[in-house]
């Protein structure tokens, strides 16, 4: 229903915007992504490890805002789910492997909780 939340394309766009070394960012991301996605690292803690391990000319908030802004909806898919739900009285379940803060942002921003009945996140099952 939505674009990839924090995949390599979005990490690279963020690195380019903030003039970060992409290979270094990817190495640091790989070391921390599992803990981040499982909820063992909050977003700011993850960013401390991946981006803010040295002094930067931008803030956590600036980086987070850009990171979140990259998420886009697949409106045709969302409308299809809404139509199917209404027409056939279906229950809709969604699974996300995004970390909590990004997942919450995406649910709020695109009002997924208005038509998705069950939202599952892997961290809930660990």
PDB file of N, CA and C in Angstrom:
ATOM      1  N   UNK A   1       0.810  -1.199   0.000  1.00  0.00           N
ATOM      2  CA  UNK A   1       0.000   0.000   0.000  1.00  0.00           C
ATOM      3  C   UNK A   1       0.854   1.264   0.000  1.00  0.00           C
ATOM      4  N   UNK A   2       2.091   1.111   0.514  1.00  0.00           N
ATOM      5  CA  UNK A   2       2.981   2.271   0.611  1.00  0.00           C
ATOM      6  C   UNK A   2       4.334   1.935   0.015  1.00  0.00           C
ATOM      7  N   UNK A   3       5.087   2.975  -0.303  1.00  0.00           N
ATOM      8  CA  UNK A   3       6.460   2.778  -0.770  1.00  0.00           C
ATOM      9  C   UNK A   3       7.291   2.134   0.337  1.00  0.00           C
ATOM     10  N   UNK A   4       8.418   1.623  -0.040  1.00  0.00           N
ATOM     11  CA  UNK A   4       9.331   1.044   0.935  1.00  0.00           C
ATOM     12  C   UNK A   4       9.698   2.120   1.954  1.00  0.00           C
ATOM     13  N   UNK A   5       9.620   1.780   3.230  1.00  0.00           N
ATOM     14  CA  UNK A   5       9.804   2.781   4.282  1.00  0.00           C
ATOM     15  C   UNK A   5      11.226   3.275   4.465  1.00  0.00           C
ATOM     16  N   UNK A   6      12.201   2.370   4.513  1.00  0.00           N
ATOM     17  CA  UNK A   6      13.575   2.784   4.769  1.00  0.00           C
ATOM     18  C   UNK A   6      14.538   1.829   4.063  1.00  0.00           C
ATOM     19  N   UNK A   7      14.227   1.532   2.820  1.00  0.00           N
ATOM     20  CA  UNK A   7      15.078   0.671   2.010  1.00  0.00           C
ATOM     21  C   UNK A   7      16.304   1.403   1.512  1.00  0.00           C
ATOM     22  N   UNK A   8      17.147   0.673   0.786  1.00  0.00           N
ATOM     23  CA  UNK A   8      18.420   1.249   0.339  1.00  0.00           C
ATOM     24  C   UNK A   8      18.230   2.474  -0.550  1.00  0.00           C
ATOM     25  N   UNK A   9      17.157   2.514  -1.358  1.00  0.00           N
ATOM     26  CA  UNK A   9      16.948   3.683  -2.215  1.00  0.00           C
ATOM     27  C   UNK A   9      16.725   4.942  -1.388  1.00  0.00           C
ATOM     28  N   UNK A  10      15.922   4.809  -0.321  1.00  0.00           N
ATOM     29  CA  UNK A  10      15.645   5.968   0.516  1.00  0.00           C
ATOM     30  C   UNK A  10      16.848   6.332   1.377  1.00  0.00           C
ATOM     31  N   UNK A  11      17.600   5.333   1.816  1.00  0.00           N
ATOM     32  CA  UNK A  11      18.836   5.635   2.559  1.00  0.00           C
ATOM     33  C   UNK A  11      19.799   6.394   1.658  1.00  0.00           C
ATOM     34  N   UNK A  12      19.908   5.985   0.401  1.00  0.00           N
ATOM     35  CA  UNK A  12      20.816   6.661  -0.527  1.00  0.00           C
ATOM     36  C   UNK A  12      20.352   8.084  -0.812  1.00  0.00           C
ATOM     37  N   UNK A  13      19.040   8.278  -0.983  1.00  0.00           N
ATOM     38  CA  UNK A  13      18.515   9.639  -1.186  1.00  0.00           C
ATOM     39  C   UNK A  13      18.836  10.524   0.023  1.00  0.00           C
ATOM     40  N   UNK A  14      18.684   9.952   1.206  1.00  0.00           N
ATOM     41  CA  UNK A  14      18.976  10.703   2.431  1.00  0.00           C
ATOM     42  C   UNK A  14      20.462  11.027   2.518  1.00  0.00           C
ATOM     43  N   UNK A  15      21.284  10.049   2.185  1.00  0.00           N
ATOM     44  CA  UNK A  15      22.736  10.265   2.215  1.00  0.00           C
ATOM     45  C   UNK A  15      23.129  11.360   1.232  1.00  0.00           C
ATOM     46  N   UNK A  16      22.542  11.342   0.052  1.00  0.00           N
ATOM     47  CA  UNK A  16      22.858  12.374  -0.943  1.00  0.00           C
ATOM     48  C   UNK A  16      22.405  13.749  -0.471  1.00  0.00           C
ATOM     49  N   UNK A  17      21.193  13.823   0.068  1.00  0.00           N
ATOM     50  CA  UNK A  17      20.678  15.119   0.529  1.00  0.00           C
ATOM     51  C   UNK A  17      21.546  15.705   1.634  1.00  0.00           C
ATOM     52  N   UNK A  18      22.005  14.855   2.554  1.00  0.00           N
ATOM     53  CA  UNK A  18      22.754  15.332   3.708  1.00  0.00           C
ATOM     54  C   UNK A  18      24.265  15.139   3.560  1.00  0.00           C
ATOM     55  N   UNK A  19      24.680  14.810   2.341  1.00  0.00           N
ATOM     56  CA  UNK A  19      26.101  14.684   2.024  1.00  0.00           C
ATOM     57  C   UNK A  19      26.816  13.679   2.938  1.00  0.00           C
ATOM     58  N   UNK A  20      26.231  12.496   3.044  1.00  0.00           N
ATOM     59  CA  UNK A  20      26.812  11.419   3.844  1.00  0.00           C
ATOM     60  C   UNK A  20      27.493  10.407   2.941  1.00  0.00           C
ATOM     61  N   UNK A  21      28.457   9.716   3.477  1.00  0.00           N
ATOM     62  CA  UNK A  21      29.159   8.665   2.744  1.00  0.00           C
ATOM     63  C   UNK A  21      28.249   7.432   2.674  1.00  0.00           C
ATOM     64  N   UNK A  22      27.773   7.091   1.474  1.00  0.00           N
ATOM     65  CA  UNK A  22      26.814   5.996   1.317  1.00  0.00           C
ATOM     66  C   UNK A  22      27.388   4.658   1.773  1.00  0.00           C
ATOM     67  N   UNK A  23      28.588   4.252   1.339  1.00  0.00           N
ATOM     68  CA  UNK A  23      29.100   2.952   1.808  1.00  0.00           C
ATOM     69  C   UNK A  23      29.241   2.889   3.330  1.00  0.00           C
ATOM     70  N   UNK A  24      29.705   3.963   3.953  1.00  0.00           N
ATOM     71  CA  UNK A  24      29.822   3.997   5.415  1.00  0.00           C
ATOM     72  C   UNK A  24      28.446   3.890   6.059  1.00  0.00           C
ATOM     73  N   UNK A  25      27.479   4.603   5.513  1.00  0.00           N
ATOM     74  CA  UNK A  25      26.126   4.560   6.053  1.00  0.00           C
ATOM     75  C   UNK A  25      25.551   3.151   5.937  1.00  0.00           C
ATOM     76  N   UNK A  26      25.789   2.491   4.824  1.00  0.00           N
ATOM     77  CA  UNK A  26      25.264   1.133   4.623  1.00  0.00           C
ATOM     78  C   UNK A  26      25.892   0.142   5.603  1.00  0.00           C
ATOM     79  N   UNK A  27      27.183   0.253   5.838  1.00  0.00           N
ATOM     80  CA  UNK A  27      27.849  -0.632   6.809  1.00  0.00           C
ATOM     81  C   UNK A  27      27.251  -0.419   8.190  1.00  0.00           C
ATOM     82  N   UNK A  28      27.094   0.830   8.569  1.00  0.00           N
ATOM     83  CA  UNK A  28      26.555   1.144   9.892  1.00  0.00           C
ATOM     84  C   UNK A  28      25.082   0.731   9.992  1.00  0.00           C
ATOM     85  N   UNK A  29      24.338   0.899   8.908  1.00  0.00           N
ATOM     86  CA  UNK A  29      22.937   0.471   8.877  1.00  0.00           C
ATOM     87  C   UNK A  29      22.844  -1.042   9.103  1.00  0.00           C
ATOM     88  N   UNK A  30      23.637  -1.801   8.390  1.00  0.00           N
ATOM     89  CA  UNK A  30      23.589  -3.268   8.503  1.00  0.00           C
ATOM     90  C   UNK A  30      23.906  -3.743   9.919  1.00  0.00           C
ATOM     91  N   UNK A  31      24.764  -3.015  10.609  1.00  0.00           N
ATOM     92  CA  UNK A  31      25.115  -3.380  11.991  1.00  0.00           C
ATOM     93  C   UNK A  31      23.974  -3.094  12.968  1.00  0.00           C
ATOM     94  N   UNK A  32      23.052  -2.203  12.601  1.00  0.00           N
ATOM     95  CA  UNK A  32      22.032  -1.729  13.543  1.00  0.00           C
ATOM     96  C   UNK A  32      20.593  -1.988  13.134  1.00  0.00           C
ATOM     97  N   UNK A  33      20.346  -2.365  11.898  1.00  0.00           N
ATOM     98  CA  UNK A  33      18.976  -2.443  11.396  1.00  0.00           C
ATOM     99  C   UNK A  33      18.140  -3.480  12.128  1.00  0.00           C
ATOM    100  N   UNK A  34      18.710  -4.611  12.467  1.00  0.00           N
ATOM    101  CA  UNK A  34      17.913  -5.645  13.137  1.00  0.00           C
ATOM    102  C   UNK A  34      17.397  -5.155  14.486  1.00  0.00           C
ATOM    103  N   UNK A  35      18.290  -4.560  15.277  1.00  0.00           N
ATOM    104  CA  UNK A  35      17.877  -4.034  16.583  1.00  0.00           C
ATOM    105  C   UNK A  35      16.842  -2.921  16.410  1.00  0.00           C
ATOM    106  N   UNK A  36      17.037  -2.089  15.407  1.00  0.00           N
ATOM    107  CA  UNK A  36      16.117  -0.981  15.129  1.00  0.00           C
ATOM    108  C   UNK A  36      14.737  -1.513  14.757  1.00  0.00           C
ATOM    109  N   UNK A  37      14.669  -2.438  13.809  1.00  0.00           N
ATOM    110  CA  UNK A  37      13.384  -2.953  13.362  1.00  0.00           C
ATOM    111  C   UNK A  37      12.684  -3.787  14.432  1.00  0.00           C
ATOM    112  N   UNK A  38      13.454  -4.423  15.311  1.00  0.00           N
ATOM    113  CA  UNK A  38      12.856  -5.227  16.375  1.00  0.00           C
ATOM    114  C   UNK A  38      12.456  -4.393  17.589  1.00  0.00           C
ATOM    115  N   UNK A  39      12.784  -3.110  17.570  1.00  0.00           N
ATOM    116  CA  UNK A  39      12.394  -2.231  18.661  1.00  0.00           C
ATOM    117  C   UNK A  39      13.409  -2.140  19.787  1.00  0.00           C
ATOM    118  N   UNK A  40      14.590  -2.739  19.602  1.00  0.00           N
ATOM    119  CA  UNK A  40      15.633  -2.649  20.626  1.00  0.00           C
ATOM    120  C   UNK A  40      16.393  -1.329  20.563  1.00  0.00           C
ATOM    121  N   UNK A  41      16.277  -0.618  19.451  1.00  0.00           N
ATOM    122  CA  UNK A  41      16.840   0.728  19.307  1.00  0.00           C
ATOM    123  C   UNK A  41      15.707   1.657  18.879  1.00  0.00           C
ATOM    124  N   UNK A  42      15.543   2.762  19.566  1.00  0.00           N
ATOM    125  CA  UNK A  42      14.607   3.798  19.130  1.00  0.00           C
ATOM    126  C   UNK A  42      15.203   4.481  17.898  1.00  0.00           C
ATOM    127  N   UNK A  43      14.384   5.203  17.173  1.00  0.00           N
ATOM    128  CA  UNK A  43      14.854   5.853  15.957  1.00  0.00           C
ATOM    129  C   UNK A  43      16.058   6.748  16.215  1.00  0.00           C
ATOM    130  N   UNK A  44      16.006   7.586  17.242  1.00  0.00           N
ATOM    131  CA  UNK A  44      17.142   8.476  17.518  1.00  0.00           C
ATOM    132  C   UNK A  44      18.404   7.696  17.871  1.00  0.00           C
ATOM    133  N   UNK A  45      18.255   6.575  18.558  1.00  0.00           N
ATOM    134  CA  UNK A  45      19.414   5.731  18.882  1.00  0.00           C
ATOM    135  C   UNK A  45      20.001   5.114  17.611  1.00  0.00           C
ATOM    136  N   UNK A  46      19.119   4.657  16.733  1.00  0.00           N
ATOM    137  CA  UNK A  46      19.554   4.124  15.436  1.00  0.00           C
ATOM    138  C   UNK A  46      20.293   5.215  14.656  1.00  0.00           C
ATOM    139  N   UNK A  47      19.716   6.406  14.602  1.00  0.00           N
ATOM    140  CA  UNK A  47      20.349   7.512  13.870  1.00  0.00           C
ATOM    141  C   UNK A  47      21.684   7.907  14.490  1.00  0.00           C
ATOM    142  N   UNK A  48      21.780   7.822  15.819  1.00  0.00           N
ATOM    143  CA  UNK A  48      23.064   8.093  16.474  1.00  0.00           C
ATOM    144  C   UNK A  48      24.149   7.150  15.951  1.00  0.00           C
ATOM    145  N   UNK A  49      23.787   5.907  15.727  1.00  0.00           N
ATOM    146  CA  UNK A  49      24.749   4.900  15.263  1.00  0.00           C
ATOM    147  C   UNK A  49      25.041   5.011  13.775  1.00  0.00           C
ATOM    148  N   UNK A  50      24.048   5.363  12.978  1.00  0.00           N
ATOM    149  CA  UNK A  50      24.174   5.313  11.527  1.00  0.00           C
ATOM    150  C   UNK A  50      24.547   6.659  10.909  1.00  0.00           C
ATOM    151  N   UNK A  51      24.062   7.745  11.485  1.00  0.00           N
ATOM    152  CA  UNK A  51      24.258   9.080  10.909  1.00  0.00           C
ATOM    153  C   UNK A  51      25.043  10.000  11.839  1.00  0.00           C
ATOM    154  N   UNK A  52      24.648  10.053  13.107  1.00  0.00           N
ATOM    155  CA  UNK A  52      25.181  11.044  14.032  1.00  0.00           C
ATOM    156  C   UNK A  52      26.309  10.503  14.913  1.00  0.00           C
ATOM    157  N   UNK A  53      27.078   9.591  14.385  1.00  0.00           N
ATOM    158  CA  UNK A  53      28.246   9.085  15.099  1.00  0.00           C
ATOM    159  C   UNK A  53      29.371  10.118  15.075  1.00  0.00           C
ATOM    160  N   UNK A  54      29.175  11.163  14.304  1.00  0.00           N
ATOM    161  CA  UNK A  54      30.069  12.315  14.312  1.00  0.00           C
ATOM    162  C   UNK A  54      29.209  13.573  14.183  1.00  0.00           C
ATOM    163  N   UNK A  55      29.788  14.713  14.492  1.00  0.00           N
ATOM    164  CA  UNK A  55      29.053  15.980  14.465  1.00  0.00           C
ATOM    165  C   UNK A  55      28.572  16.269  13.046  1.00  0.00           C
ATOM    166  N   UNK A  56      27.328  16.710  12.950  1.00  0.00           N
ATOM    167  CA  UNK A  56      26.717  17.021  11.656  1.00  0.00           C
ATOM    168  C   UNK A  56      26.210  18.460  11.651  1.00  0.00           C
ATOM    169  N   UNK A  57      26.001  18.988  10.458  1.00  0.00           N
ATOM    170  CA  UNK A  57      25.500  20.355  10.309  1.00  0.00           C
ATOM    171  C   UNK A  57      23.969  20.391  10.284  1.00  0.00           C
ATOM    172  N   UNK A  58      23.337  19.266  10.539  1.00  0.00           N
ATOM    173  CA  UNK A  58      21.883  19.163  10.555  1.00  0.00           C
ATOM    174  C   UNK A  58      21.478  18.385  11.803  1.00  0.00           C
ATOM    175  N   UNK A  59      20.209  18.455  12.124  1.00  0.00           N
ATOM    176  CA  UNK A  59      19.716  17.848  13.366  1.00  0.00           C
ATOM    177  C   UNK A  59      19.034  16.503  13.108  1.00  0.00           C
ATOM    178  N   UNK A  60      18.815  15.790  14.195  1.00  0.00           N
ATOM    179  CA  UNK A  60      18.034  14.554  14.122  1.00  0.00           C
ATOM    180  C   UNK A  60      16.671  14.846  13.497  1.00  0.00           C
ATOM    181  N   UNK A  61      16.052  15.914  13.945  1.00  0.00           N
ATOM    182  CA  UNK A  61      14.716  16.262  13.464  1.00  0.00           C
ATOM    183  C   UNK A  61      14.709  16.514  11.955  1.00  0.00           C
ATOM    184  N   UNK A  62      15.698  17.227  11.454  1.00  0.00           N
ATOM    185  CA  UNK A  62      15.787  17.492  10.017  1.00  0.00           C
ATOM    186  C   UNK A  62      15.929  16.178   9.243  1.00  0.00           C
ATOM    187  N   UNK A  63      16.766  15.300   9.751  1.00  0.00           N
ATOM    188  CA  UNK A  63      16.977  14.024   9.078  1.00  0.00           C
ATOM    189  C   UNK A  63      15.709  13.173   9.134  1.00  0.00           C
ATOM    190  N   UNK A  64      15.101  13.093  10.314  1.00  0.00           N
ATOM    191  CA  UNK A  64      13.860  12.316  10.479  1.00  0.00           C
ATOM    192  C   UNK A  64      12.764  12.845   9.562  1.00  0.00           C
ATOM    193  N   UNK A  65      12.605  14.162   9.507  1.00  0.00           N
ATOM    194  CA  UNK A  65      11.563  14.757   8.660  1.00  0.00           C
ATOM    195  C   UNK A  65      11.764  14.363   7.202  1.00  0.00           C
ATOM    196  N   UNK A  66      13.015  14.418   6.742  1.00  0.00           N
ATOM    197  CA  UNK A  66      13.283  14.023   5.363  1.00  0.00           C
ATOM    198  C   UNK A  66      13.037  12.527   5.178  1.00  0.00           C
ATOM    199  N   UNK A  67      13.521  11.743   6.116  1.00  0.00           N
ATOM    200  CA  UNK A  67      13.347  10.290   6.075  1.00  0.00           C
ATOM    201  C   UNK A  67      11.859   9.940   5.954  1.00  0.00           C
ATOM    202  N   UNK A  68      11.038  10.544   6.784  1.00  0.00           N
ATOM    203  CA  UNK A  68       9.604  10.265   6.767  1.00  0.00           C
ATOM    204  C   UNK A  68       8.945  10.777   5.489  1.00  0.00           C
ATOM    205  N   UNK A  69       9.434  11.899   4.977  1.00  0.00           N
ATOM    206  CA  UNK A  69       8.818  12.499   3.790  1.00  0.00           C
ATOM    207  C   UNK A  69       8.968  11.624   2.549  1.00  0.00           C
ATOM    208  N   UNK A  70       9.882  10.693   2.570  1.00  0.00           N
ATOM    209  CA  UNK A  70      10.111   9.840   1.407  1.00  0.00           C
ATOM    210  C   UNK A  70       8.992   8.814   1.199  1.00  0.00           C
ATOM    211  N   UNK A  71       8.257   8.505   2.247  1.00  0.00           N
ATOM    212  CA  UNK A  71       7.166   7.542   2.146  1.00  0.00           C
ATOM    213  C   UNK A  71       6.046   8.109   1.293  1.00  0.00           C
ATOM    214  N   UNK A  72       5.622   7.346   0.306  1.00  0.00           N
ATOM    215  CA  UNK A  72       4.512   7.750  -0.547  1.00  0.00           C
ATOM    216  C   UNK A  72       3.491   6.617  -0.623  1.00  0.00           C
ATOM    217  N   UNK A  73       2.226   6.977  -0.798  1.00  0.00           N
ATOM    218  CA  UNK A  73       1.185   5.943  -0.892  1.00  0.00           C
ATOM    219  C   UNK A  73       1.052   5.425  -2.323  1.00  0.00           C
ATOM    220  N   UNK A  74       0.615   4.198  -2.436  1.00  0.00           N
ATOM    221  CA  UNK A  74       0.159   3.655  -3.716  1.00  0.00           C
ATOM    222  C   UNK A  74      -1.363   3.797  -3.652  1.00  0.00           C
ATOM    223  N   UNK A  75      -1.833   4.976  -4.033  1.00  0.00           N
ATOM    224  CA  UNK A  75      -3.247   5.330  -3.838  1.00  0.00           C
ATOM    225  C   UNK A  75      -4.199   4.349  -4.526  1.00  0.00           C
ATOM    226  N   UNK A  76      -3.810   3.842  -5.689  1.00  0.00           N
ATOM    227  CA  UNK A  76      -4.692   2.897  -6.375  1.00  0.00           C
ATOM    228  C   UNK A  76      -4.859   1.608  -5.570  1.00  0.00           C
ATOM    229  N   UNK A  77      -3.813   1.179  -4.907  1.00  0.00           N
ATOM    230  CA  UNK A  77      -3.881  -0.031  -4.083  1.00  0.00           C
ATOM    231  C   UNK A  77      -4.728   0.235  -2.838  1.00  0.00           C
ATOM    232  N   UNK A  78      -4.519   1.387  -2.220  1.00  0.00           N
ATOM    233  CA  UNK A  78      -5.316   1.750  -1.044  1.00  0.00           C
ATOM    234  C   UNK A  78      -6.800   1.805  -1.403  1.00  0.00           C
ATOM    235  N   UNK A  79      -7.114   2.453  -2.518  1.00  0.00           N
ATOM    236  CA  UNK A  79      -8.512   2.544  -2.943  1.00  0.00           C
ATOM    237  C   UNK A  79      -9.092   1.173  -3.262  1.00  0.00           C
ATOM    238  N   UNK A  80      -8.287   0.281  -3.844  1.00  0.00           N
ATOM    239  CA  UNK A  80      -8.748  -1.081  -4.115  1.00  0.00           C
ATOM    240  C   UNK A  80      -9.092  -1.804  -2.815  1.00  0.00           C
ATOM    241  N   UNK A  81      -8.217  -1.703  -1.813  1.00  0.00           N
ATOM    242  CA  UNK A  81      -8.491  -2.337  -0.521  1.00  0.00           C
ATOM    243  C   UNK A  81      -9.761  -1.769   0.110  1.00  0.00           C
ATOM    244  N   UNK A  82      -9.920  -0.467   0.053  1.00  0.00           N
ATOM    245  CA  UNK A  82     -11.115   0.160   0.620  1.00  0.00           C
ATOM    246  C   UNK A  82     -12.380  -0.325  -0.099  1.00  0.00           C
ATOM    247  N   UNK A  83     -12.300  -0.392  -1.418  1.00  0.00           N
ATOM    248  CA  UNK A  83     -13.445  -0.837  -2.211  1.00  0.00           C
ATOM    249  C   UNK A  83     -13.795  -2.293  -1.899  1.00  0.00           C
ATOM    250  N   UNK A  84     -12.784  -3.166  -1.867  1.00  0.00           N
ATOM    251  CA  UNK A  84     -13.018  -4.577  -1.572  1.00  0.00           C
ATOM    252  C   UNK A  84     -13.579  -4.768  -0.171  1.00  0.00           C
ATOM    253  N   UNK A  85     -13.050  -4.004   0.776  1.00  0.00           N
ATOM    254  CA  UNK A  85     -13.530  -4.092   2.161  1.00  0.00           C
ATOM    255  C   UNK A  85     -15.014  -3.724   2.231  1.00  0.00           C
ATOM    256  N   UNK A  86     -15.366  -2.613   1.599  1.00  0.00           N
ATOM    257  CA  UNK A  86     -16.760  -2.158   1.634  1.00  0.00           C
ATOM    258  C   UNK A  86     -17.680  -3.107   0.869  1.00  0.00           C
ATOM    259  N   UNK A  87     -17.278  -3.515  -0.312  1.00  0.00           N
ATOM    260  CA  UNK A  87     -18.136  -4.338  -1.166  1.00  0.00           C
ATOM    261  C   UNK A  87     -18.365  -5.743  -0.600  1.00  0.00           C
ATOM    262  N   UNK A  88     -17.315  -6.331  -0.034  1.00  0.00           N
ATOM    263  CA  UNK A  88     -17.406  -7.718   0.435  1.00  0.00           C
ATOM    264  C   UNK A  88     -17.354  -7.849   1.961  1.00  0.00           C
ATOM    265  N   UNK A  89     -17.351  -6.715   2.654  1.00  0.00           N
ATOM    266  CA  UNK A  89     -17.296  -6.705   4.122  1.00  0.00           C
ATOM    267  C   UNK A  89     -16.111  -7.514   4.649  1.00  0.00           C
ATOM    268  N   UNK A  90     -14.984  -7.310   4.024  1.00  0.00           N
ATOM    269  CA  UNK A  90     -13.763  -8.027   4.391  1.00  0.00           C
ATOM    270  C   UNK A  90     -13.102  -7.401   5.611  1.00  0.00           C
ATOM    271  N   UNK A  91     -12.325  -8.192   6.295  1.00  0.00           N
ATOM    272  CA  UNK A  91     -11.415  -7.696   7.325  1.00  0.00           C
ATOM    273  C   UNK A  91     -10.058  -7.586   6.652  1.00  0.00           C
ATOM    274  N   UNK A  92      -9.392  -6.463   6.842  1.00  0.00           N
ATOM    275  CA  UNK A  92      -8.097  -6.214   6.220  1.00  0.00           C
ATOM    276  C   UNK A  92      -7.008  -6.297   7.280  1.00  0.00           C
ATOM    277  N   UNK A  93      -5.968  -7.052   6.980  1.00  0.00           N
ATOM    278  CA  UNK A  93      -4.801  -7.155   7.862  1.00  0.00           C
ATOM    279  C   UNK A  93      -3.576  -6.675   7.090  1.00  0.00           C
ATOM    280  N   UNK A  94      -2.701  -5.986   7.779  1.00  0.00           N
ATOM    281  CA  UNK A  94      -1.458  -5.507   7.181  1.00  0.00           C
ATOM    282  C   UNK A  94      -0.290  -5.915   8.065  1.00  0.00           C
ATOM    283  N   UNK A  95       0.809  -6.263   7.417  1.00  0.00           N
ATOM    284  CA  UNK A  95       2.034  -6.634   8.113  1.00  0.00           C
ATOM    285  C   UNK A  95       3.107  -5.636   7.714  1.00  0.00           C
ATOM    286  N   UNK A  96       3.837  -5.145   8.691  1.00  0.00           N
ATOM    287  CA  UNK A  96       4.921  -4.197   8.428  1.00  0.00           C
ATOM    288  C   UNK A  96       6.177  -4.646   9.139  1.00  0.00           C
ATOM    289  N   UNK A  97       7.291  -4.529   8.456  1.00  0.00           N
ATOM    290  CA  UNK A  97       8.570  -4.817   9.105  1.00  0.00           C
ATOM    291  C   UNK A  97       9.328  -3.523   9.415  1.00  0.00           C
ATOM    292  N   UNK A  98       8.652  -2.397   9.302  1.00  0.00           N
ATOM    293  CA  UNK A  98       9.289  -1.121   9.611  1.00  0.00           C
ATOM    294  C   UNK A  98       9.413  -0.937  11.116  1.00  0.00           C
ATOM    295  N   UNK A  99      10.375  -0.176  11.520  1.00  0.00           N
ATOM    296  CA  UNK A  99      10.548   0.139  12.937  1.00  0.00           C
ATOM    297  C   UNK A  99       9.345   0.949  13.431  1.00  0.00           C
ATOM    298  N   UNK A 100       9.145   0.932  14.730  1.00  0.00           N
ATOM    299  CA  UNK A 100       7.932   1.493  15.334  1.00  0.00           C
ATOM    300  C   UNK A 100       7.645   2.938  14.937  1.00  0.00           C
ATOM    301  N   UNK A 101       8.619   3.826  15.058  1.00  0.00           N
ATOM    302  CA  UNK A 101       8.356   5.243  14.796  1.00  0.00           C
ATOM    303  C   UNK A 101       7.933   5.474  13.343  1.00  0.00           C
ATOM    304  N   UNK A 102       8.628   4.822  12.422  1.00  0.00           N
ATOM    305  CA  UNK A 102       8.284   4.969  11.014  1.00  0.00           C
ATOM    306  C   UNK A 102       6.937   4.322  10.731  1.00  0.00           C
ATOM    307  N   UNK A 103       6.698   3.182  11.306  1.00  0.00           N
ATOM    308  CA  UNK A 103       5.426   2.480  11.144  1.00  0.00           C
ATOM    309  C   UNK A 103       4.271   3.356  11.649  1.00  0.00           C
ATOM    310  N   UNK A 104       4.423   3.946  12.833  1.00  0.00           N
ATOM    311  CA  UNK A 104       3.381   4.809  13.393  1.00  0.00           C
ATOM    312  C   UNK A 104       3.136   6.034  12.516  1.00  0.00           C
ATOM    313  N   UNK A 105       4.217   6.624  12.021  1.00  0.00           N
ATOM    314  CA  UNK A 105       4.085   7.775  11.130  1.00  0.00           C
ATOM    315  C   UNK A 105       3.272   7.401   9.893  1.00  0.00           C
ATOM    316  N   UNK A 106       3.599   6.250   9.302  1.00  0.00           N
ATOM    317  CA  UNK A 106       2.937   5.822   8.076  1.00  0.00           C
ATOM    318  C   UNK A 106       1.456   5.523   8.324  1.00  0.00           C
ATOM    319  N   UNK A 107       1.139   4.897   9.443  1.00  0.00           N
ATOM    320  CA  UNK A 107      -0.259   4.607   9.785  1.00  0.00           C
ATOM    321  C   UNK A 107      -1.030   5.912   9.943  1.00  0.00           C
ATOM    322  N   UNK A 108      -0.469   6.873  10.674  1.00  0.00           N
ATOM    323  CA  UNK A 108      -1.136   8.161  10.899  1.00  0.00           C
ATOM    324  C   UNK A 108      -1.238   8.976   9.606  1.00  0.00           C
ATOM    325  N   UNK A 109      -0.133   9.101   8.908  1.00  0.00           N
ATOM    326  CA  UNK A 109      -0.078   9.942   7.704  1.00  0.00           C
ATOM    327  C   UNK A 109      -1.078   9.497   6.645  1.00  0.00           C
ATOM    328  N   UNK A 110      -1.177   8.180   6.444  1.00  0.00           N
ATOM    329  CA  UNK A 110      -2.033   7.671   5.374  1.00  0.00           C
ATOM    330  C   UNK A 110      -3.324   7.054   5.902  1.00  0.00           C
ATOM    331  N   UNK A 111      -3.596   7.305   7.184  1.00  0.00           N
ATOM    332  CA  UNK A 111      -4.849   6.896   7.831  1.00  0.00           C
ATOM    333  C   UNK A 111      -5.179   5.425   7.590  1.00  0.00           C
ATOM    334  N   UNK A 112      -4.157   4.599   7.701  1.00  0.00           N
ATOM    335  CA  UNK A 112      -4.343   3.168   7.461  1.00  0.00           C
ATOM    336  C   UNK A 112      -5.292   2.541   8.480  1.00  0.00           C
ATOM    337  N   UNK A 113      -5.287   3.076   9.684  1.00  0.00           N
ATOM    338  CA  UNK A 113      -6.145   2.502  10.724  1.00  0.00           C
ATOM    339  C   UNK A 113      -7.633   2.769  10.468  1.00  0.00           C
ATOM    340  N   UNK A 114      -7.963   3.578   9.459  1.00  0.00           N
ATOM    341  CA  UNK A 114      -9.361   3.822   9.126  1.00  0.00           C
ATOM    342  C   UNK A 114      -9.970   2.667   8.327  1.00  0.00           C
ATOM    343  N   UNK A 115      -9.124   1.842   7.698  1.00  0.00           N
ATOM    344  CA  UNK A 115      -9.675   0.728   6.929  1.00  0.00           C
ATOM    345  C   UNK A 115      -8.942  -0.596   7.158  1.00  0.00           C
ATOM    346  N   UNK A 116      -7.811  -0.562   7.836  1.00  0.00           N
ATOM    347  CA  UNK A 116      -7.095  -1.793   8.168  1.00  0.00           C
ATOM    348  C   UNK A 116      -7.544  -2.219   9.564  1.00  0.00           C
ATOM    349  N   UNK A 117      -8.028  -3.448   9.658  1.00  0.00           N
ATOM    350  CA  UNK A 117      -8.561  -3.946  10.917  1.00  0.00           C
ATOM    351  C   UNK A 117      -7.481  -4.483  11.853  1.00  0.00           C
ATOM    352  N   UNK A 118      -6.442  -5.061  11.290  1.00  0.00           N
ATOM    353  CA  UNK A 118      -5.377  -5.675  12.079  1.00  0.00           C
ATOM    354  C   UNK A 118      -4.032  -5.236  11.514  1.00  0.00           C
ATOM    355  N   UNK A 119      -3.193  -4.683  12.371  1.00  0.00           N
ATOM    356  CA  UNK A 119      -1.848  -4.258  11.981  1.00  0.00           C
ATOM    357  C   UNK A 119      -0.844  -5.106  12.752  1.00  0.00           C
ATOM    358  N   UNK A 120      -0.022  -5.838  12.040  1.00  0.00           N
ATOM    359  CA  UNK A 120       0.958  -6.717  12.662  1.00  0.00           C
ATOM    360  C   UNK A 120       2.358  -6.179  12.415  1.00  0.00           C
ATOM    361  N   UNK A 121       3.169  -6.248  13.460  1.00  0.00           N
ATOM    362  CA  UNK A 121       4.562  -5.813  13.382  1.00  0.00           C
ATOM    363  C   UNK A 121       5.418  -6.934  13.970  1.00  0.00           C
ATOM    364  N   UNK A 122       6.500  -7.347  13.291  1.00  0.00           N
ATOM    365  CA  UNK A 122       7.311  -8.455  13.780  1.00  0.00           C
ATOM    366  C   UNK A 122       7.811  -8.290  15.205  1.00  0.00           C
ATOM    367  N   UNK A 123       8.057  -7.084  15.648  1.00  0.00           N
ATOM    368  CA  UNK A 123       8.558  -6.878  17.011  1.00  0.00           C
ATOM    369  C   UNK A 123       7.561  -7.385  18.050  1.00  0.00           C
ATOM    370  N   UNK A 124       6.305  -7.468  17.671  1.00  0.00           N
ATOM    371  CA  UNK A 124       5.286  -7.957  18.591  1.00  0.00           C
ATOM    372  C   UNK A 124       5.422  -9.450  18.858  1.00  0.00           C
ATOM    373  N   UNK A 125       6.124 -10.154  17.975  1.00  0.00           N
ATOM    374  CA  UNK A 125       6.205 -11.600  18.060  1.00  0.00           C
ATOM    375  C   UNK A 125       7.571 -12.085  18.525  1.00  0.00           C
ATOM    376  N   UNK A 126       8.438 -11.183  18.888  1.00  0.00           N
ATOM    377  CA  UNK A 126       9.804 -11.561  19.296  1.00  0.00           C
ATOM    378  C   UNK A 126       9.856 -11.770  20.789  1.00  0.00           C
TER     379      UNK A 126
END
